[in-house]
N, C-alpha and C. Protein backbone atom coordinates (compact mmCIF):
# COMPACT_ATOMS: atom_id res chain seq x y z
N MET A 1 2.28 -20.33 -12.58
CA MET A 1 0.77 -20.27 -12.78
C MET A 1 0.61 -19.41 -13.93
N PRO A 2 -0.52 -19.54 -15.07
CA PRO A 2 -0.56 -18.23 -15.86
C PRO A 2 -1.28 -17.44 -15.25
N ARG A 3 -1.37 -16.14 -15.64
CA ARG A 3 -2.35 -14.95 -15.19
C ARG A 3 -3.79 -15.55 -15.56
N LYS A 4 -4.72 -14.92 -15.05
CA LYS A 4 -5.94 -15.07 -15.61
C LYS A 4 -6.37 -14.30 -16.56
N LYS A 5 -6.89 -14.50 -17.77
CA LYS A 5 -7.21 -13.69 -18.76
C LYS A 5 -8.54 -13.01 -18.52
N ARG A 6 -8.70 -11.96 -19.03
CA ARG A 6 -9.91 -11.03 -19.16
C ARG A 6 -10.89 -11.42 -19.78
N GLY A 7 -12.44 -11.41 -19.45
CA GLY A 7 -13.14 -10.75 -20.29
C GLY A 7 -14.02 -9.75 -19.76
N SER A 8 -15.06 -9.22 -20.51
CA SER A 8 -15.78 -8.40 -20.16
C SER A 8 -17.15 -8.36 -20.51
N LYS A 9 -18.15 -8.34 -19.07
CA LYS A 9 -19.38 -8.86 -18.86
C LYS A 9 -20.19 -7.34 -19.88
N VAL A 10 -19.60 -6.14 -19.65
CA VAL A 10 -19.85 -4.57 -20.53
C VAL A 10 -20.26 -5.67 -22.03
N LEU A 11 -18.71 -5.99 -22.48
CA LEU A 11 -18.84 -6.23 -23.72
C LEU A 11 -19.89 -7.21 -24.52
N THR A 12 -20.03 -8.33 -23.68
CA THR A 12 -21.04 -9.20 -23.85
C THR A 12 -22.84 -8.50 -24.14
N THR A 13 -22.71 -8.08 -23.05
CA THR A 13 -24.29 -7.27 -22.88
C THR A 13 -24.38 -6.38 -24.18
N ALA A 14 -23.26 -5.61 -24.49
CA ALA A 14 -23.25 -4.52 -25.68
C ALA A 14 -23.56 -5.25 -26.70
N GLU A 15 -23.23 -6.56 -27.43
CA GLU A 15 -22.72 -7.20 -28.51
C GLU A 15 -24.41 -8.07 -28.72
N LEU A 16 -24.94 -8.32 -27.41
CA LEU A 16 -26.35 -8.57 -27.62
C LEU A 16 -27.45 -7.46 -28.01
N ARG A 17 -27.33 -6.26 -27.40
CA ARG A 17 -28.09 -5.02 -27.21
C ARG A 17 -27.81 -4.91 -28.91
N ALA A 18 -26.67 -4.58 -29.14
CA ALA A 18 -26.48 -4.46 -30.82
C ALA A 18 -27.39 -5.34 -31.83
N ALA A 19 -26.87 -6.36 -31.73
CA ALA A 19 -27.86 -7.54 -32.42
C ALA A 19 -29.29 -7.53 -32.20
N SER A 20 -29.61 -6.83 -31.03
CA SER A 20 -31.28 -6.79 -31.05
C SER A 20 -31.51 -5.40 -31.45
N LEU A 21 -30.57 -4.42 -31.64
CA LEU A 21 -31.01 -2.95 -32.41
C LEU A 21 -30.59 -3.19 -33.60
N ASN A 22 -30.45 -3.79 -34.34
CA ASN A 22 -29.80 -3.92 -35.47
C ASN A 22 -31.21 -4.63 -36.22
N SER A 23 -32.04 -5.51 -35.20
CA SER A 23 -33.17 -5.82 -35.91
C SER A 23 -34.36 -4.81 -36.21
N LEU A 24 -33.88 -3.67 -35.33
CA LEU A 24 -34.71 -2.13 -35.35
C LEU A 24 -34.34 -1.52 -36.66
N GLY A 25 -33.53 -1.51 -37.39
CA GLY A 25 -32.91 -1.04 -38.55
C GLY A 25 -31.27 -0.75 -38.42
N SER A 26 -30.50 -0.90 -39.74
CA SER A 26 -28.98 -0.71 -39.62
C SER A 26 -28.67 0.67 -39.29
N ASN A 27 -29.44 1.47 -39.94
CA ASN A 27 -29.27 2.73 -39.89
C ASN A 27 -29.98 3.41 -38.34
N LEU A 28 -30.19 2.70 -37.38
CA LEU A 28 -31.03 3.23 -36.53
C LEU A 28 -29.55 4.42 -36.07
N GLU A 29 -30.15 5.64 -35.74
CA GLU A 29 -29.87 7.09 -35.54
C GLU A 29 -30.37 7.46 -34.61
N PHE A 30 -29.58 8.36 -33.45
CA PHE A 30 -30.32 9.16 -32.53
C PHE A 30 -29.69 10.61 -32.84
N SER A 31 -30.00 11.70 -31.42
CA SER A 31 -29.19 12.83 -31.78
C SER A 31 -27.96 12.65 -31.26
N GLU A 32 -26.81 13.87 -31.50
CA GLU A 32 -25.89 13.93 -31.40
C GLU A 32 -24.86 12.95 -31.46
N GLY A 33 -24.97 12.35 -32.64
CA GLY A 33 -23.80 11.00 -32.86
C GLY A 33 -24.21 9.71 -32.39
N ILE A 34 -25.04 9.60 -31.74
CA ILE A 34 -25.14 8.64 -30.94
C ILE A 34 -26.51 7.52 -32.09
N ASN A 35 -25.27 6.75 -32.81
CA ASN A 35 -25.76 5.59 -33.37
C ASN A 35 -25.54 4.13 -33.91
N LEU A 36 -26.19 3.24 -34.42
CA LEU A 36 -25.58 1.85 -34.83
C LEU A 36 -24.12 1.90 -35.02
N THR A 37 -23.91 2.70 -35.73
CA THR A 37 -22.40 2.34 -36.56
C THR A 37 -21.63 2.76 -35.59
N GLU A 38 -21.70 3.86 -34.74
CA GLU A 38 -20.73 4.21 -33.62
C GLU A 38 -20.74 3.29 -32.75
N TYR A 39 -21.78 2.58 -31.99
CA TYR A 39 -22.13 1.59 -31.20
C TYR A 39 -21.21 0.78 -31.63
N LYS A 40 -21.42 -0.10 -32.48
CA LYS A 40 -20.75 -1.20 -33.21
C LYS A 40 -19.08 -0.92 -33.13
N GLN A 41 -18.90 -0.01 -33.69
CA GLN A 41 -16.97 0.83 -33.40
C GLN A 41 -16.88 0.45 -32.41
N LEU A 42 -17.54 1.21 -31.20
CA LEU A 42 -16.99 1.06 -29.93
C LEU A 42 -17.11 -0.32 -29.50
N ILE A 43 -17.73 -1.09 -29.82
CA ILE A 43 -17.79 -2.70 -29.36
C ILE A 43 -16.62 -3.28 -30.03
N ASN A 44 -16.38 -3.21 -31.34
CA ASN A 44 -15.10 -3.34 -31.71
C ASN A 44 -13.80 -2.89 -31.17
N SER A 45 -13.79 -1.95 -31.02
CA SER A 45 -12.68 -1.13 -30.07
C SER A 45 -12.36 -2.24 -28.69
N LEU A 46 -13.24 -2.30 -27.83
CA LEU A 46 -13.33 -2.99 -27.14
C LEU A 46 -12.52 -4.62 -27.10
N ARG A 47 -13.10 -5.09 -27.96
CA ARG A 47 -12.95 -6.34 -28.07
C ARG A 47 -11.38 -6.61 -28.58
N ASP A 48 -10.90 -5.28 -29.32
CA ASP A 48 -9.60 -5.71 -29.93
C ASP A 48 -8.75 -5.32 -28.71
N GLU A 49 -8.89 -4.16 -27.87
CA GLU A 49 -8.27 -4.24 -26.61
C GLU A 49 -8.01 -5.24 -25.90
N LEU A 50 -9.26 -5.83 -25.41
CA LEU A 50 -9.17 -7.17 -24.80
C LEU A 50 -8.06 -8.16 -25.12
N LYS A 51 -8.42 -8.30 -26.74
CA LYS A 51 -7.39 -9.06 -27.25
C LYS A 51 -6.09 -8.87 -27.11
N SER A 52 -5.75 -7.52 -27.53
CA SER A 52 -4.44 -7.18 -27.11
C SER A 52 -3.79 -7.27 -25.86
N TYR A 53 -4.62 -6.94 -24.54
CA TYR A 53 -4.61 -6.97 -23.22
C TYR A 53 -4.51 -8.55 -22.99
N ASN A 54 -4.75 -9.31 -23.49
CA ASN A 54 -4.76 -10.99 -23.41
C ASN A 54 -3.46 -11.47 -23.89
N GLU A 55 -3.15 -11.25 -24.96
CA GLU A 55 -2.19 -11.52 -25.72
C GLU A 55 -0.81 -11.10 -24.90
N ALA A 56 -0.88 -9.92 -24.37
CA ALA A 56 0.23 -8.80 -23.59
C ALA A 56 0.42 -10.04 -21.96
N LEU A 57 -0.46 -10.29 -21.67
CA LEU A 57 -0.64 -11.22 -20.43
C LEU A 57 -0.02 -12.54 -20.75
N SER A 58 -0.23 -13.17 -21.93
CA SER A 58 0.45 -14.41 -22.24
C SER A 58 2.03 -14.41 -22.53
N LEU A 59 2.39 -12.98 -22.95
CA LEU A 59 3.98 -12.56 -23.42
C LEU A 59 4.54 -12.46 -21.77
N VAL A 60 3.53 -11.83 -20.72
CA VAL A 60 4.50 -11.64 -19.62
C VAL A 60 4.41 -13.13 -18.85
N ASP A 61 3.45 -13.76 -19.21
CA ASP A 61 3.66 -15.29 -18.71
C ASP A 61 4.94 -16.03 -19.36
N ARG A 62 5.06 -15.98 -20.41
CA ARG A 62 6.15 -16.48 -21.25
C ARG A 62 7.57 -16.06 -20.67
N SER A 63 7.37 -15.01 -20.51
CA SER A 63 9.12 -14.43 -20.15
C SER A 63 9.27 -14.75 -18.49
N SER A 64 7.97 -14.74 -17.60
CA SER A 64 8.15 -14.95 -16.07
C SER A 64 8.63 -16.57 -16.32
N ASN A 65 8.19 -17.17 -17.13
CA ASN A 65 8.53 -18.80 -17.01
C ASN A 65 9.75 -18.93 -17.32
N ALA A 66 10.53 -18.06 -18.65
CA ALA A 66 11.87 -17.82 -18.79
C ALA A 66 12.78 -17.63 -17.87
N ILE A 67 12.50 -16.25 -16.78
CA ILE A 67 12.90 -15.97 -15.71
C ILE A 67 13.04 -17.09 -14.72
N ASP A 68 12.25 -17.45 -14.44
CA ASP A 68 12.57 -18.90 -13.45
C ASP A 68 13.32 -19.88 -13.83
N ASP A 69 13.07 -20.04 -15.31
CA ASP A 69 14.12 -20.98 -15.74
C ASP A 69 15.57 -20.79 -15.15
N PHE A 70 15.85 -19.43 -15.83
CA PHE A 70 17.34 -18.78 -15.70
C PHE A 70 17.84 -19.07 -14.23
N GLU A 71 16.88 -18.41 -13.53
CA GLU A 71 16.99 -18.48 -11.69
C GLU A 71 17.37 -19.99 -11.48
N LYS A 72 16.87 -20.66 -11.87
CA LYS A 72 16.98 -22.14 -11.44
C LYS A 72 18.32 -22.48 -12.05
N ARG A 73 18.73 -22.43 -13.32
CA ARG A 73 19.97 -22.74 -13.72
C ARG A 73 21.27 -21.83 -12.90
N LEU A 74 20.98 -20.51 -12.53
CA LEU A 74 21.71 -19.68 -12.31
C LEU A 74 22.28 -20.46 -10.60
N LYS A 75 21.06 -20.56 -9.87
CA LYS A 75 21.17 -21.07 -8.66
C LYS A 75 22.00 -22.48 -8.56
N ASP A 76 21.99 -23.04 -9.19
CA ASP A 76 22.82 -24.27 -9.44
C ASP A 76 24.07 -23.91 -9.79
N PHE A 77 24.03 -23.24 -10.96
CA PHE A 77 25.52 -23.01 -11.39
C PHE A 77 26.41 -22.09 -9.80
N SER A 78 25.50 -21.83 -9.19
CA SER A 78 26.35 -20.80 -8.39
C SER A 78 26.47 -22.02 -7.13
N GLU A 79 25.82 -22.81 -6.86
CA GLU A 79 26.33 -23.78 -6.16
C GLU A 79 27.74 -24.69 -6.62
N ARG A 80 27.45 -25.31 -7.56
CA ARG A 80 28.51 -25.75 -8.26
C ARG A 80 29.93 -24.67 -8.16
N MET A 81 29.62 -23.68 -8.29
CA MET A 81 30.96 -22.73 -8.37
C MET A 81 31.37 -22.71 -6.74
N LEU A 82 30.30 -22.69 -5.77
CA LEU A 82 31.06 -22.85 -4.24
C LEU A 82 31.45 -24.36 -4.08
N LEU A 83 31.10 -25.22 -4.28
CA LEU A 83 31.63 -26.49 -4.53
C LEU A 83 32.97 -26.53 -4.99
N GLY A 84 33.13 -26.10 -5.87
CA GLY A 84 34.34 -26.21 -6.77
C GLY A 84 35.51 -25.50 -5.79
N VAL A 85 35.07 -24.43 -5.44
CA VAL A 85 36.31 -23.56 -4.32
C VAL A 85 36.61 -24.15 -3.34
N ALA A 86 35.48 -24.70 -2.51
CA ALA A 86 35.53 -25.93 -1.39
C ALA A 86 36.55 -27.01 -1.65
N THR A 87 36.09 -28.01 -3.04
CA THR A 87 37.07 -29.02 -3.60
C THR A 87 38.72 -28.27 -3.40
N VAL A 88 38.83 -27.45 -4.11
CA VAL A 88 40.52 -27.01 -4.36
C VAL A 88 40.61 -26.36 -2.90
N TYR A 89 40.22 -25.53 -2.33
CA TYR A 89 40.77 -24.95 -0.95
C TYR A 89 40.18 -25.74 0.28
N GLY A 90 39.12 -26.16 0.28
CA GLY A 90 38.69 -26.88 1.76
C GLY A 90 37.85 -25.91 2.17
N LYS A 91 36.30 -26.68 3.21
CA LYS A 91 35.35 -25.84 3.49
C LYS A 91 35.84 -24.80 4.57
N ASP A 92 36.76 -25.01 5.64
CA ASP A 92 37.34 -24.47 6.39
C ASP A 92 38.70 -23.23 5.92
N SER A 93 38.20 -23.17 4.72
CA SER A 93 39.50 -21.84 4.32
C SER A 93 38.95 -20.61 4.12
N SER A 94 39.63 -19.42 4.00
CA SER A 94 39.22 -18.14 3.75
C SER A 94 38.73 -17.82 2.68
N GLU A 95 39.37 -18.45 1.43
CA GLU A 95 38.89 -18.55 0.11
C GLU A 95 37.42 -19.21 -0.03
N TYR A 96 36.98 -20.18 0.54
CA TYR A 96 35.75 -20.76 0.99
C TYR A 96 34.93 -19.35 1.24
N GLU A 97 35.28 -18.96 2.19
CA GLU A 97 34.29 -17.82 3.07
C GLU A 97 34.66 -16.39 2.20
N MET A 98 35.19 -16.18 1.47
CA MET A 98 35.53 -14.96 0.28
C MET A 98 34.42 -15.31 -1.02
N ALA A 99 34.37 -16.52 -1.02
CA ALA A 99 33.47 -17.31 -2.18
C ALA A 99 32.04 -17.00 -2.02
N GLY A 100 31.60 -16.59 -0.85
CA GLY A 100 30.32 -16.64 0.19
C GLY A 100 29.98 -17.89 0.68
N GLY A 101 30.75 -18.71 1.10
CA GLY A 101 30.08 -20.11 2.09
C GLY A 101 30.37 -19.50 3.36
N VAL A 102 30.13 -20.18 4.35
CA VAL A 102 30.41 -20.18 5.36
C VAL A 102 31.61 -21.43 6.02
N ARG A 103 32.55 -20.92 6.77
CA ARG A 103 33.81 -21.62 6.93
C ARG A 103 33.07 -22.79 8.20
N LYS A 104 33.41 -24.06 7.93
CA LYS A 104 33.16 -25.21 9.01
C LYS A 104 33.11 -24.52 10.32
N SER A 105 34.44 -23.86 10.65
CA SER A 105 34.68 -23.81 11.93
C SER A 105 33.66 -22.47 12.45
N ASP A 106 33.10 -21.91 11.79
CA ASP A 106 32.14 -20.60 11.75
C ASP A 106 30.81 -20.95 11.89
N ARG A 107 30.38 -22.41 11.86
CA ARG A 107 28.66 -22.57 12.06
C ARG A 107 28.74 -22.96 13.28
N LYS A 108 27.16 -22.60 13.99
CA LYS A 108 26.77 -22.95 15.23
C LYS A 108 26.61 -24.44 15.11
N ARG A 109 27.11 -24.98 16.15
CA ARG A 109 26.43 -26.45 16.38
C ARG A 109 25.30 -26.29 17.00
N PRO A 110 24.31 -27.30 17.00
CA PRO A 110 23.06 -27.30 17.65
C PRO A 110 23.43 -27.46 19.25
N VAL A 111 22.57 -26.76 20.22
CA VAL A 111 22.69 -27.33 21.43
C VAL A 111 21.45 -28.30 21.81
N ARG A 112 21.86 -29.64 22.11
CA ARG A 112 20.73 -30.53 22.75
C ARG A 112 20.45 -30.33 23.79
N ARG A 113 19.35 -30.64 24.30
CA ARG A 113 18.71 -30.07 25.82
C ARG A 113 18.75 -31.49 26.29
N ILE A 114 18.95 -31.89 27.37
CA ILE A 114 18.91 -32.99 28.29
C ILE A 114 17.63 -32.98 28.71
N THR A 115 16.91 -34.02 28.89
CA THR A 115 15.63 -34.11 29.03
C THR A 115 15.67 -34.71 30.34
N THR A 116 15.02 -34.08 31.55
CA THR A 116 14.79 -35.01 32.84
C THR A 116 13.38 -36.03 33.08
N ALA A 117 13.51 -36.91 33.10
CA ALA A 117 12.43 -38.05 33.29
C ALA A 117 11.94 -37.97 34.69
């Protein structure tokens, strides 16, 4: 399942505010460097960072899918390797146990309970 991409309510609000402030004048400036140009640059910086973040999530999703595929292939291959050992040596051999299998004679058999009616 892909990771949820991120949006920003703050960015949306700031974009709307910038459009409204722009109607007051494109050179709107207050004290201590608070002006419309800096405001728009900060908006653009956040937009670019969100874009980078969401692209990185897509790359992580792609890598995660690749890992899942490799795990499935490796699990299948491991099972085939164990079956190959079982074919050559048998399922009750010590070689089968050395390869990671459980010997047939070592398996626990289920105990069935007799019910009285």
